[in-house]
N, C-alpha and C. Protein backbone atom coordinates (compact mmCIF):
# COMPACT_ATOMS: atom_id res chain seq x y z
N MET A 1 76.46 96.89 108.34
CA MET A 1 77.73 96.82 109.08
C MET A 1 77.55 97.40 110.49
N LYS A 2 77.84 96.63 111.53
CA LYS A 2 77.74 97.14 112.88
C LYS A 2 78.80 98.20 113.13
N SER A 3 78.42 99.25 113.87
CA SER A 3 79.36 100.35 114.10
C SER A 3 80.57 99.90 114.88
N ASP A 4 80.41 98.88 115.79
CA ASP A 4 81.55 98.46 116.58
C ASP A 4 82.55 97.62 115.79
N SER A 5 82.20 97.26 114.53
CA SER A 5 83.15 96.55 113.68
C SER A 5 84.05 97.53 112.93
N LEU A 6 83.67 98.81 112.92
CA LEU A 6 84.50 99.82 112.27
C LEU A 6 85.64 100.24 113.18
N TYR A 7 86.83 100.34 112.60
CA TYR A 7 87.95 100.87 113.38
C TYR A 7 88.33 102.26 112.88
N VAL A 8 88.26 102.47 111.57
CA VAL A 8 88.57 103.77 110.98
C VAL A 8 87.37 104.20 110.14
N ASP A 9 86.93 105.45 110.33
CA ASP A 9 85.76 105.95 109.62
C ASP A 9 86.02 107.40 109.20
N LEU A 10 86.20 107.60 107.90
CA LEU A 10 86.38 108.96 107.35
C LEU A 10 85.10 109.36 106.65
N HIS A 11 84.61 110.57 106.96
CA HIS A 11 83.34 111.03 106.40
C HIS A 11 83.53 112.40 105.76
N HIS A 12 83.31 112.46 104.44
CA HIS A 12 83.38 113.71 103.67
C HIS A 12 84.68 114.49 103.95
N VAL A 13 85.81 113.78 103.92
CA VAL A 13 87.09 114.41 104.23
C VAL A 13 87.65 115.15 103.02
N ARG A 14 87.96 116.42 103.24
CA ARG A 14 88.70 117.21 102.27
C ARG A 14 89.98 117.69 102.94
N LYS A 15 91.05 117.75 102.14
CA LYS A 15 92.29 118.33 102.62
C LYS A 15 92.84 119.25 101.54
N CYS A 16 93.02 120.50 101.90
CA CYS A 16 93.54 121.50 100.97
C CYS A 16 94.82 122.11 101.52
N PHE A 17 95.72 122.41 100.61
CA PHE A 17 96.90 123.22 100.92
C PHE A 17 96.75 124.48 100.09
N GLY A 18 96.32 125.56 100.73
CA GLY A 18 96.01 126.75 99.97
C GLY A 18 94.84 126.48 99.04
N LYS A 19 95.02 126.73 97.77
CA LYS A 19 93.96 126.49 96.78
C LYS A 19 94.01 125.08 96.19
N ASP A 20 95.03 124.31 96.56
CA ASP A 20 95.17 122.95 96.02
C ASP A 20 94.37 121.97 96.88
N GLU A 21 93.39 121.31 96.26
CA GLU A 21 92.58 120.32 96.94
C GLU A 21 93.21 118.95 96.73
N ILE A 22 93.75 118.36 97.81
CA ILE A 22 94.49 117.11 97.72
C ILE A 22 93.57 115.90 97.94
N LEU A 23 92.64 116.01 98.89
CA LEU A 23 91.63 114.97 99.12
C LEU A 23 90.26 115.58 98.86
N LYS A 24 89.44 114.90 98.09
CA LYS A 24 88.18 115.47 97.60
C LYS A 24 86.97 114.69 98.14
N GLN A 25 86.33 115.23 99.18
CA GLN A 25 85.09 114.66 99.71
C GLN A 25 85.21 113.13 99.86
N LEU A 26 86.20 112.71 100.59
CA LEU A 26 86.55 111.29 100.66
C LEU A 26 85.80 110.61 101.81
N ASP A 27 85.14 109.50 101.49
CA ASP A 27 84.52 108.63 102.49
C ASP A 27 85.23 107.28 102.45
N PHE A 28 85.66 106.80 103.61
CA PHE A 28 86.47 105.58 103.65
C PHE A 28 86.32 104.93 105.02
N GLN A 29 86.02 103.65 105.02
CA GLN A 29 85.88 102.91 106.28
C GLN A 29 86.80 101.69 106.28
N MET A 30 87.32 101.38 107.46
CA MET A 30 88.15 100.19 107.65
C MET A 30 87.57 99.36 108.79
N ILE A 31 87.31 98.09 108.50
CA ILE A 31 86.78 97.16 109.49
C ILE A 31 87.92 96.58 110.31
N ARG A 32 87.68 96.39 111.59
CA ARG A 32 88.70 95.80 112.47
C ARG A 32 89.21 94.47 111.91
N GLY A 33 90.52 94.29 111.97
CA GLY A 33 91.11 93.02 111.60
C GLY A 33 91.27 92.79 110.11
N GLN A 34 91.01 93.82 109.29
CA GLN A 34 91.14 93.70 107.85
C GLN A 34 92.36 94.49 107.36
N VAL A 35 92.88 94.10 106.20
CA VAL A 35 94.04 94.77 105.61
C VAL A 35 93.60 95.47 104.33
N TYR A 36 93.89 96.76 104.26
CA TYR A 36 93.47 97.61 103.15
C TYR A 36 94.70 98.09 102.39
N GLY A 37 94.67 97.94 101.09
CA GLY A 37 95.77 98.38 100.24
C GLY A 37 95.36 99.58 99.41
N ILE A 38 96.29 100.51 99.27
CA ILE A 38 96.07 101.68 98.42
C ILE A 38 97.15 101.72 97.36
N ILE A 39 96.72 101.83 96.10
CA ILE A 39 97.66 102.03 95.01
C ILE A 39 97.37 103.38 94.38
N GLY A 40 98.35 103.91 93.67
CA GLY A 40 98.18 105.20 93.03
C GLY A 40 99.52 105.84 92.76
N ASN A 41 99.55 106.72 91.79
CA ASN A 41 100.79 107.40 91.42
C ASN A 41 101.23 108.36 92.52
N ASN A 42 102.49 108.77 92.47
CA ASN A 42 102.96 109.82 93.36
C ASN A 42 102.12 111.07 93.16
N GLY A 43 101.72 111.70 94.27
CA GLY A 43 100.90 112.90 94.18
C GLY A 43 99.42 112.63 94.12
N SER A 44 99.03 111.35 94.23
CA SER A 44 97.61 111.01 94.13
C SER A 44 96.84 111.29 95.42
N GLY A 45 97.56 111.46 96.53
CA GLY A 45 96.93 111.74 97.81
C GLY A 45 97.08 110.64 98.85
N LYS A 46 97.78 109.55 98.52
CA LYS A 46 97.90 108.42 99.45
C LYS A 46 98.54 108.82 100.78
N THR A 47 99.68 109.49 100.70
CA THR A 47 100.40 109.83 101.91
C THR A 47 99.64 110.87 102.72
N VAL A 48 99.01 111.82 102.06
CA VAL A 48 98.21 112.83 102.76
C VAL A 48 97.05 112.15 103.50
N LEU A 49 96.41 111.19 102.86
CA LEU A 49 95.34 110.44 103.52
C LEU A 49 95.85 109.77 104.78
N MET A 50 96.99 109.11 104.68
CA MET A 50 97.54 108.42 105.83
C MET A 50 97.87 109.39 106.96
N LYS A 51 98.43 110.53 106.61
CA LYS A 51 98.77 111.52 107.64
C LYS A 51 97.53 112.08 108.32
N CYS A 52 96.44 112.20 107.57
CA CYS A 52 95.18 112.67 108.17
C CYS A 52 94.62 111.63 109.15
N ILE A 53 94.70 110.35 108.79
CA ILE A 53 94.23 109.30 109.70
C ILE A 53 95.07 109.27 110.98
N CYS A 54 96.37 109.48 110.83
CA CYS A 54 97.28 109.47 111.99
C CYS A 54 97.16 110.71 112.86
N GLY A 55 96.52 111.76 112.34
CA GLY A 55 96.46 113.02 113.08
C GLY A 55 97.64 113.94 112.84
N PHE A 56 98.52 113.57 111.91
CA PHE A 56 99.68 114.41 111.61
C PHE A 56 99.29 115.65 110.81
N LEU A 57 98.20 115.56 110.05
CA LEU A 57 97.66 116.69 109.31
C LEU A 57 96.20 116.87 109.68
N PRO A 58 95.76 118.11 109.98
CA PRO A 58 94.34 118.34 110.22
C PRO A 58 93.57 118.35 108.90
N VAL A 59 92.35 117.83 108.92
CA VAL A 59 91.55 117.86 107.70
C VAL A 59 90.95 119.26 107.53
N THR A 60 90.72 119.63 106.29
CA THR A 60 90.10 120.93 105.99
C THR A 60 88.59 120.87 106.26
N GLU A 61 87.98 119.76 105.87
CA GLU A 61 86.56 119.51 106.14
C GLU A 61 86.38 118.03 106.43
N GLY A 62 85.27 117.70 107.11
CA GLY A 62 84.94 116.31 107.37
C GLY A 62 85.46 115.82 108.70
N THR A 63 85.31 114.53 108.94
CA THR A 63 85.70 113.93 110.21
C THR A 63 86.52 112.66 110.00
N VAL A 64 87.44 112.45 110.93
CA VAL A 64 88.24 111.22 110.98
C VAL A 64 88.03 110.60 112.35
N ILE A 65 87.50 109.39 112.37
CA ILE A 65 87.25 108.67 113.62
C ILE A 65 88.09 107.40 113.61
N VAL A 66 88.87 107.19 114.66
CA VAL A 66 89.68 105.98 114.80
C VAL A 66 89.42 105.40 116.19
N GLY A 67 89.02 104.14 116.22
CA GLY A 67 88.72 103.51 117.50
C GLY A 67 87.59 104.19 118.25
N GLY A 68 86.66 104.78 117.51
CA GLY A 68 85.51 105.43 118.13
C GLY A 68 85.75 106.84 118.61
N LYS A 69 86.93 107.41 118.34
CA LYS A 69 87.24 108.76 118.81
C LYS A 69 87.62 109.66 117.65
N TYR A 70 87.19 110.92 117.74
CA TYR A 70 87.43 111.90 116.68
C TYR A 70 88.87 112.41 116.77
N ILE A 71 89.61 112.20 115.67
CA ILE A 71 91.00 112.68 115.61
C ILE A 71 90.99 114.20 115.43
N GLY A 72 91.81 114.87 116.26
CA GLY A 72 91.88 116.33 116.21
C GLY A 72 90.84 117.02 117.05
N LYS A 73 89.94 116.24 117.65
CA LYS A 73 88.91 116.80 118.53
C LYS A 73 88.97 116.13 119.90
N GLU A 74 88.62 114.84 119.95
CA GLU A 74 88.70 114.12 121.22
C GLU A 74 90.13 113.73 121.56
N ILE A 75 90.89 113.31 120.55
CA ILE A 75 92.30 112.95 120.73
C ILE A 75 93.10 113.50 119.55
N ASP A 76 94.40 113.73 119.78
CA ASP A 76 95.26 114.25 118.71
C ASP A 76 95.71 113.15 117.76
N PHE A 77 95.96 111.95 118.31
CA PHE A 77 96.47 110.83 117.53
C PHE A 77 95.73 109.56 117.94
N PRO A 78 95.62 108.59 117.04
CA PRO A 78 95.03 107.30 117.44
C PRO A 78 95.77 106.71 118.64
N GLU A 79 95.03 106.04 119.50
CA GLU A 79 95.59 105.60 120.78
C GLU A 79 96.51 104.40 120.65
N SER A 80 96.33 103.57 119.63
CA SER A 80 97.16 102.38 119.47
C SER A 80 97.58 102.29 118.01
N LEU A 81 98.68 102.97 117.69
CA LEU A 81 99.08 103.19 116.30
C LEU A 81 100.55 102.86 116.10
N GLY A 82 100.83 102.12 115.03
CA GLY A 82 102.19 101.93 114.55
C GLY A 82 102.26 102.45 113.13
N VAL A 83 103.29 103.23 112.81
CA VAL A 83 103.25 103.96 111.54
C VAL A 83 104.63 104.03 110.89
N ILE A 84 104.63 103.88 109.57
CA ILE A 84 105.78 104.24 108.73
C ILE A 84 105.23 105.13 107.63
N ILE A 85 105.63 106.39 107.64
CA ILE A 85 105.29 107.31 106.56
C ILE A 85 106.57 108.01 106.15
N GLU A 86 106.91 107.87 104.85
CA GLU A 86 108.15 108.42 104.32
C GLU A 86 109.35 107.77 105.02
N THR A 87 110.50 108.39 105.04
CA THR A 87 111.69 107.75 105.59
C THR A 87 111.66 107.82 107.12
N PRO A 88 111.74 106.66 107.80
CA PRO A 88 111.73 106.69 109.26
C PRO A 88 112.89 107.53 109.81
N GLY A 89 112.60 108.35 110.79
CA GLY A 89 113.62 109.23 111.37
C GLY A 89 114.18 108.67 112.66
N PHE A 90 115.50 108.58 112.74
CA PHE A 90 116.15 108.07 113.95
C PHE A 90 117.33 108.97 114.29
N LEU A 91 117.83 108.82 115.51
CA LEU A 91 119.04 109.52 115.93
C LEU A 91 120.23 108.81 115.31
N ALA A 92 120.85 109.47 114.33
CA ALA A 92 121.83 108.80 113.46
C ALA A 92 123.08 108.34 114.18
N SER A 93 123.44 109.00 115.29
CA SER A 93 124.68 108.66 115.98
C SER A 93 124.54 107.47 116.93
N LEU A 94 123.30 107.01 117.12
CA LEU A 94 123.05 105.91 118.05
C LEU A 94 122.73 104.62 117.30
N SER A 95 122.86 103.50 117.99
CA SER A 95 122.52 102.21 117.39
C SER A 95 121.01 102.09 117.23
N GLY A 96 120.61 101.13 116.42
CA GLY A 96 119.20 100.88 116.25
C GLY A 96 118.54 100.51 117.56
N ARG A 97 119.19 99.64 118.31
CA ARG A 97 118.62 99.22 119.60
C ARG A 97 118.44 100.41 120.54
N ARG A 98 119.46 101.28 120.59
CA ARG A 98 119.37 102.43 121.51
C ARG A 98 118.23 103.36 121.09
N ASN A 99 118.03 103.52 119.78
CA ASN A 99 116.91 104.33 119.31
C ASN A 99 115.59 103.76 119.81
N LEU A 100 115.42 102.45 119.70
CA LEU A 100 114.17 101.84 120.15
C LEU A 100 114.02 101.94 121.67
N GLU A 101 115.12 101.82 122.39
CA GLU A 101 115.07 101.94 123.85
C GLU A 101 114.60 103.33 124.26
N ILE A 102 115.08 104.35 123.57
CA ILE A 102 114.66 105.72 123.90
C ILE A 102 113.17 105.90 123.62
N LEU A 103 112.72 105.41 122.48
CA LEU A 103 111.30 105.53 122.14
C LEU A 103 110.43 104.74 123.12
N ALA A 104 110.88 103.54 123.48
CA ALA A 104 110.13 102.72 124.43
C ALA A 104 110.07 103.37 125.80
N GLY A 105 111.13 104.10 126.16
CA GLY A 105 111.17 104.76 127.46
C GLY A 105 110.15 105.86 127.62
N LEU A 106 109.63 106.37 126.51
CA LEU A 106 108.63 107.43 126.59
C LEU A 106 107.34 106.93 127.23
N ARG A 107 107.05 105.64 127.05
CA ARG A 107 105.83 105.06 127.65
C ARG A 107 106.16 104.08 128.77
N GLY A 108 107.34 103.50 128.72
CA GLY A 108 107.77 102.64 129.81
C GLY A 108 107.09 101.31 129.91
N ASN A 109 106.55 100.81 128.78
CA ASN A 109 105.82 99.53 128.86
C ASN A 109 106.51 98.41 128.10
N LEU A 110 107.78 98.59 127.72
CA LEU A 110 108.53 97.55 127.03
C LEU A 110 109.79 97.21 127.81
N THR A 111 110.16 95.93 127.79
CA THR A 111 111.39 95.48 128.44
C THR A 111 112.50 95.34 127.40
N GLY A 112 113.72 95.15 127.89
CA GLY A 112 114.83 94.89 126.99
C GLY A 112 114.61 93.64 126.17
N ALA A 113 113.97 92.64 126.77
CA ALA A 113 113.68 91.40 126.05
C ALA A 113 112.68 91.66 124.92
N ASP A 114 111.73 92.56 125.14
CA ASP A 114 110.77 92.92 124.08
C ASP A 114 111.49 93.54 122.89
N ILE A 115 112.45 94.41 123.16
CA ILE A 115 113.18 95.07 122.08
C ILE A 115 114.06 94.06 121.34
N THR A 116 114.71 93.18 122.08
CA THR A 116 115.48 92.12 121.45
C THR A 116 114.60 91.30 120.52
N ALA A 117 113.42 90.96 120.98
CA ALA A 117 112.51 90.11 120.20
C ALA A 117 112.07 90.80 118.91
N ILE A 118 111.73 92.08 118.98
CA ILE A 118 111.23 92.75 117.77
C ILE A 118 112.37 92.97 116.78
N LEU A 119 113.57 93.20 117.25
CA LEU A 119 114.71 93.33 116.33
C LEU A 119 114.97 92.00 115.62
N HIS A 120 114.88 90.91 116.34
CA HIS A 120 115.01 89.60 115.70
C HIS A 120 113.91 89.40 114.66
N ARG A 121 112.69 89.80 114.98
CA ARG A 121 111.56 89.58 114.06
C ARG A 121 111.76 90.29 112.73
N VAL A 122 112.39 91.47 112.76
CA VAL A 122 112.58 92.22 111.51
C VAL A 122 113.91 91.91 110.85
N GLY A 123 114.68 90.98 111.42
CA GLY A 123 115.93 90.56 110.78
C GLY A 123 117.12 91.42 111.09
N LEU A 124 117.11 92.11 112.24
CA LEU A 124 118.27 92.92 112.67
C LEU A 124 118.92 92.28 113.89
N ASP A 125 120.24 92.43 113.99
CA ASP A 125 120.99 91.92 115.13
C ASP A 125 120.78 92.84 116.32
N PRO A 126 120.17 92.39 117.41
CA PRO A 126 119.93 93.27 118.56
C PRO A 126 121.19 93.72 119.27
N ASP A 127 122.31 93.05 119.02
CA ASP A 127 123.57 93.41 119.66
C ASP A 127 124.47 94.28 118.77
N LEU A 128 123.98 94.64 117.59
CA LEU A 128 124.77 95.44 116.67
C LEU A 128 125.01 96.84 117.24
N LYS A 129 126.29 97.25 117.31
CA LYS A 129 126.63 98.56 117.88
C LYS A 129 126.73 99.66 116.83
N LYS A 130 126.67 99.28 115.57
CA LYS A 130 126.81 100.25 114.48
C LYS A 130 125.77 101.37 114.61
N PRO A 131 126.18 102.64 114.43
CA PRO A 131 125.20 103.72 114.47
C PRO A 131 124.28 103.69 113.25
N VAL A 132 123.08 104.20 113.43
CA VAL A 132 122.10 104.18 112.35
C VAL A 132 122.62 104.93 111.12
N ALA A 133 123.50 105.90 111.32
CA ALA A 133 124.07 106.65 110.19
C ALA A 133 124.78 105.73 109.20
N LYS A 134 125.25 104.59 109.68
CA LYS A 134 125.97 103.65 108.82
C LYS A 134 125.09 102.49 108.35
N TYR A 135 123.82 102.54 108.65
CA TYR A 135 122.90 101.52 108.18
C TYR A 135 122.63 101.68 106.69
N SER A 136 122.41 100.59 106.01
CA SER A 136 121.91 100.65 104.64
C SER A 136 120.45 101.10 104.66
N LEU A 137 119.92 101.46 103.49
CA LEU A 137 118.52 101.86 103.39
C LEU A 137 117.60 100.73 103.86
N GLY A 138 117.95 99.50 103.48
CA GLY A 138 117.14 98.36 103.89
C GLY A 138 117.15 98.15 105.40
N MET A 139 118.31 98.34 106.04
CA MET A 139 118.39 98.21 107.50
C MET A 139 117.57 99.29 108.19
N ARG A 140 117.62 100.50 107.66
CA ARG A 140 116.80 101.58 108.24
C ARG A 140 115.32 101.24 108.12
N GLN A 141 114.94 100.67 106.98
CA GLN A 141 113.54 100.33 106.79
C GLN A 141 113.11 99.24 107.78
N ARG A 142 113.97 98.25 107.98
CA ARG A 142 113.67 97.19 108.96
C ARG A 142 113.52 97.80 110.37
N LEU A 143 114.39 98.75 110.69
CA LEU A 143 114.30 99.40 112.00
C LEU A 143 113.00 100.19 112.12
N GLY A 144 112.59 100.84 111.03
CA GLY A 144 111.32 101.55 111.03
C GLY A 144 110.14 100.61 111.27
N ILE A 145 110.20 99.44 110.67
CA ILE A 145 109.14 98.46 110.87
C ILE A 145 109.15 97.97 112.32
N ALA A 146 110.34 97.78 112.88
CA ALA A 146 110.44 97.38 114.29
C ALA A 146 109.79 98.44 115.18
N GLN A 147 110.06 99.69 114.89
CA GLN A 147 109.47 100.78 115.68
C GLN A 147 107.94 100.75 115.57
N ALA A 148 107.43 100.53 114.36
CA ALA A 148 105.99 100.53 114.15
C ALA A 148 105.30 99.38 114.90
N LEU A 149 105.99 98.25 115.02
CA LEU A 149 105.37 97.05 115.59
C LEU A 149 105.64 96.86 117.08
N MET A 150 106.62 97.56 117.63
CA MET A 150 107.17 97.13 118.92
C MET A 150 106.19 97.25 120.08
N GLU A 151 105.21 98.14 120.01
CA GLU A 151 104.24 98.26 121.11
C GLU A 151 102.94 97.52 120.82
N ASN A 152 102.98 96.64 119.83
CA ASN A 152 101.84 95.78 119.50
C ASN A 152 100.56 96.60 119.26
N PRO A 153 100.61 97.57 118.33
CA PRO A 153 99.46 98.45 118.12
C PRO A 153 98.31 97.74 117.42
N GLU A 154 97.10 98.26 117.64
CA GLU A 154 95.92 97.72 116.97
C GLU A 154 95.85 98.14 115.51
N LEU A 155 96.37 99.34 115.21
CA LEU A 155 96.30 99.91 113.87
C LEU A 155 97.71 100.13 113.33
N LEU A 156 97.95 99.65 112.10
CA LEU A 156 99.23 99.88 111.42
C LEU A 156 98.97 100.69 110.15
N ILE A 157 99.71 101.78 110.00
CA ILE A 157 99.65 102.62 108.80
C ILE A 157 101.03 102.56 108.16
N LEU A 158 101.14 101.91 107.00
CA LEU A 158 102.44 101.60 106.41
C LEU A 158 102.50 102.14 104.98
N ASP A 159 103.27 103.20 104.80
CA ASP A 159 103.43 103.83 103.49
C ASP A 159 104.72 103.32 102.86
N GLU A 160 104.60 102.48 101.85
CA GLU A 160 105.75 101.88 101.16
C GLU A 160 106.72 101.20 102.14
N PRO A 161 106.23 100.23 102.92
CA PRO A 161 107.09 99.61 103.93
C PRO A 161 108.21 98.75 103.37
N PHE A 162 108.18 98.44 102.05
CA PHE A 162 109.21 97.58 101.47
C PHE A 162 110.33 98.36 100.79
N ASN A 163 110.30 99.68 100.88
CA ASN A 163 111.34 100.51 100.26
C ASN A 163 112.72 100.10 100.77
N GLY A 164 113.65 99.93 99.84
CA GLY A 164 115.04 99.65 100.22
C GLY A 164 115.34 98.20 100.52
N LEU A 165 114.32 97.35 100.51
CA LEU A 165 114.54 95.93 100.83
C LEU A 165 114.82 95.14 99.56
N ASP A 166 115.76 94.19 99.66
CA ASP A 166 115.99 93.29 98.54
C ASP A 166 114.89 92.23 98.53
N ARG A 167 114.92 91.35 97.54
CA ARG A 167 113.85 90.37 97.38
C ARG A 167 113.67 89.52 98.64
N HIS A 168 114.78 89.09 99.21
CA HIS A 168 114.70 88.28 100.43
C HIS A 168 114.07 89.08 101.56
N GLY A 169 114.46 90.35 101.69
CA GLY A 169 113.90 91.20 102.72
C GLY A 169 112.42 91.43 102.55
N VAL A 170 112.00 91.62 101.29
CA VAL A 170 110.57 91.81 101.01
C VAL A 170 109.79 90.58 101.47
N GLU A 171 110.30 89.39 101.15
CA GLU A 171 109.60 88.16 101.54
C GLU A 171 109.54 88.02 103.06
N GLU A 172 110.62 88.40 103.76
CA GLU A 172 110.63 88.33 105.22
C GLU A 172 109.58 89.26 105.82
N ILE A 173 109.51 90.49 105.33
CA ILE A 173 108.58 91.46 105.90
C ILE A 173 107.14 91.14 105.51
N ARG A 174 106.94 90.60 104.31
CA ARG A 174 105.59 90.14 103.97
C ARG A 174 105.12 89.08 104.96
N THR A 175 106.00 88.12 105.27
CA THR A 175 105.66 87.06 106.21
C THR A 175 105.33 87.65 107.57
N LEU A 176 106.11 88.63 108.00
CA LEU A 176 105.87 89.29 109.28
C LEU A 176 104.50 89.98 109.29
N LEU A 177 104.18 90.69 108.21
CA LEU A 177 102.90 91.40 108.16
C LEU A 177 101.72 90.45 108.06
N LEU A 178 101.91 89.32 107.38
CA LEU A 178 100.85 88.31 107.35
C LEU A 178 100.60 87.76 108.76
N ALA A 179 101.65 87.65 109.56
CA ALA A 179 101.49 87.20 110.95
C ALA A 179 100.70 88.24 111.75
N GLU A 180 100.97 89.54 111.49
CA GLU A 180 100.20 90.60 112.16
C GLU A 180 98.74 90.55 111.74
N LYS A 181 98.51 90.27 110.47
CA LYS A 181 97.14 90.12 109.96
C LYS A 181 96.43 88.99 110.69
N GLU A 182 97.12 87.87 110.90
CA GLU A 182 96.52 86.73 111.60
C GLU A 182 96.18 87.08 113.05
N LYS A 183 96.89 88.03 113.62
CA LYS A 183 96.60 88.46 115.00
C LYS A 183 95.38 89.39 115.07
N GLY A 184 94.84 89.75 113.90
CA GLY A 184 93.66 90.60 113.89
C GLY A 184 93.95 92.08 113.84
N LYS A 185 95.18 92.45 113.44
CA LYS A 185 95.50 93.87 113.33
C LYS A 185 94.74 94.51 112.16
N THR A 186 94.42 95.77 112.31
CA THR A 186 93.83 96.57 111.23
C THR A 186 94.99 97.29 110.55
N ILE A 187 95.14 97.09 109.24
CA ILE A 187 96.32 97.58 108.54
C ILE A 187 95.92 98.35 107.29
N LEU A 188 96.55 99.50 107.11
CA LEU A 188 96.44 100.28 105.87
C LEU A 188 97.82 100.33 105.25
N LEU A 189 97.92 99.87 104.00
CA LEU A 189 99.21 99.67 103.34
C LEU A 189 99.21 100.33 101.97
N ALA A 190 100.22 101.11 101.68
CA ALA A 190 100.43 101.64 100.34
C ALA A 190 101.70 101.04 99.77
N SER A 191 101.63 100.58 98.53
CA SER A 191 102.80 100.01 97.87
C SER A 191 102.68 100.21 96.37
N HIS A 192 103.82 100.45 95.73
CA HIS A 192 103.86 100.52 94.27
C HIS A 192 103.88 99.12 93.64
N ASN A 193 104.13 98.11 94.48
CA ASN A 193 104.27 96.75 93.99
C ASN A 193 102.92 96.03 94.06
N THR A 194 102.37 95.68 92.90
CA THR A 194 101.06 95.01 92.86
C THR A 194 101.08 93.70 93.62
N GLU A 195 102.19 92.99 93.58
CA GLU A 195 102.28 91.69 94.26
C GLU A 195 102.15 91.86 95.77
N ASP A 196 102.77 92.91 96.33
CA ASP A 196 102.63 93.18 97.77
C ASP A 196 101.16 93.32 98.13
N ILE A 197 100.44 94.09 97.35
CA ILE A 197 99.02 94.35 97.60
C ILE A 197 98.22 93.05 97.50
N GLN A 198 98.48 92.26 96.47
CA GLN A 198 97.73 91.03 96.26
C GLN A 198 97.95 90.03 97.38
N VAL A 199 99.19 89.93 97.86
CA VAL A 199 99.53 88.95 98.89
C VAL A 199 98.93 89.33 100.24
N LEU A 200 98.92 90.62 100.56
CA LEU A 200 98.63 91.06 101.91
C LEU A 200 97.21 91.55 102.15
N CYS A 201 96.54 92.07 101.12
CA CYS A 201 95.35 92.90 101.36
C CYS A 201 94.03 92.18 101.12
N ASP A 202 93.06 92.49 101.99
CA ASP A 202 91.69 92.00 101.83
C ASP A 202 90.89 92.92 100.91
N HIS A 203 91.23 94.19 100.89
CA HIS A 203 90.51 95.20 100.10
C HIS A 203 91.55 96.11 99.44
N VAL A 204 91.30 96.48 98.20
CA VAL A 204 92.24 97.32 97.47
C VAL A 204 91.50 98.53 96.91
N PHE A 205 92.10 99.71 97.09
CA PHE A 205 91.55 100.96 96.59
C PHE A 205 92.61 101.66 95.76
N GLU A 206 92.15 102.45 94.81
CA GLU A 206 93.05 103.26 93.99
C GLU A 206 92.80 104.73 94.26
N MET A 207 93.88 105.46 94.50
CA MET A 207 93.80 106.91 94.66
C MET A 207 94.22 107.57 93.36
N ASP A 208 93.44 108.54 92.93
CA ASP A 208 93.76 109.28 91.72
C ASP A 208 93.21 110.69 91.86
N GLY A 209 94.11 111.66 91.93
CA GLY A 209 93.68 113.05 92.03
C GLY A 209 92.85 113.34 93.26
N GLY A 210 93.16 112.67 94.36
CA GLY A 210 92.45 112.91 95.62
C GLY A 210 91.13 112.20 95.75
N VAL A 211 90.80 111.33 94.78
CA VAL A 211 89.57 110.54 94.80
C VAL A 211 89.93 109.07 94.99
N MET A 212 89.18 108.37 95.83
CA MET A 212 89.45 106.97 96.11
C MET A 212 88.35 106.09 95.49
N ARG A 213 88.78 105.05 94.80
CA ARG A 213 87.84 104.11 94.19
C ARG A 213 88.23 102.69 94.56
N LYS A 214 87.25 101.86 94.86
CA LYS A 214 87.52 100.46 95.19
C LYS A 214 87.86 99.70 93.91
N ARG A 215 88.89 98.86 93.99
CA ARG A 215 89.30 98.04 92.85
C ARG A 215 88.54 96.73 92.87
């Protein structure tokens, strides 16, 4: 495998909280443009792994390299990252569009038309004035997906992205993610639904007690 084909490279990663070892000497590589699925019970280490790749949690031992740079050493976070981990957090008193406008304003590289387009893509009305506090769980999840995708990141880290969606919503977001896959995005996806994993993923791994095994 050529090194320039790797986008994510974890080497001998351990993560401990006190005496509890959550990730155990984990080695894991992701090739550019491939979709990786992780299955496993709650508490197996899936979310902790994702947070370590994103730079949200420092590793206890080992190295995390994303895009050729060491996370927590050369850079704090991956340079081109879209992420959903746990429940997406938004300013509840503002509309979904206004939330995205504020986030986009931090970098200043998106237009109003870009935000309109991504809201349409996830099935939300860009003109809706309703505050996020009154959104259903499914609408919040769609908004979270819009946030993850809106800056066209190279790497997507998606922890249970279908939570709160009805069957129609699941099919819509699967189609959207398959389109991202066709664009060559590198994606790490965790889902409790075996069908989601089968439809979307090129490689499937199982987490159990902080150990990862290829399926």
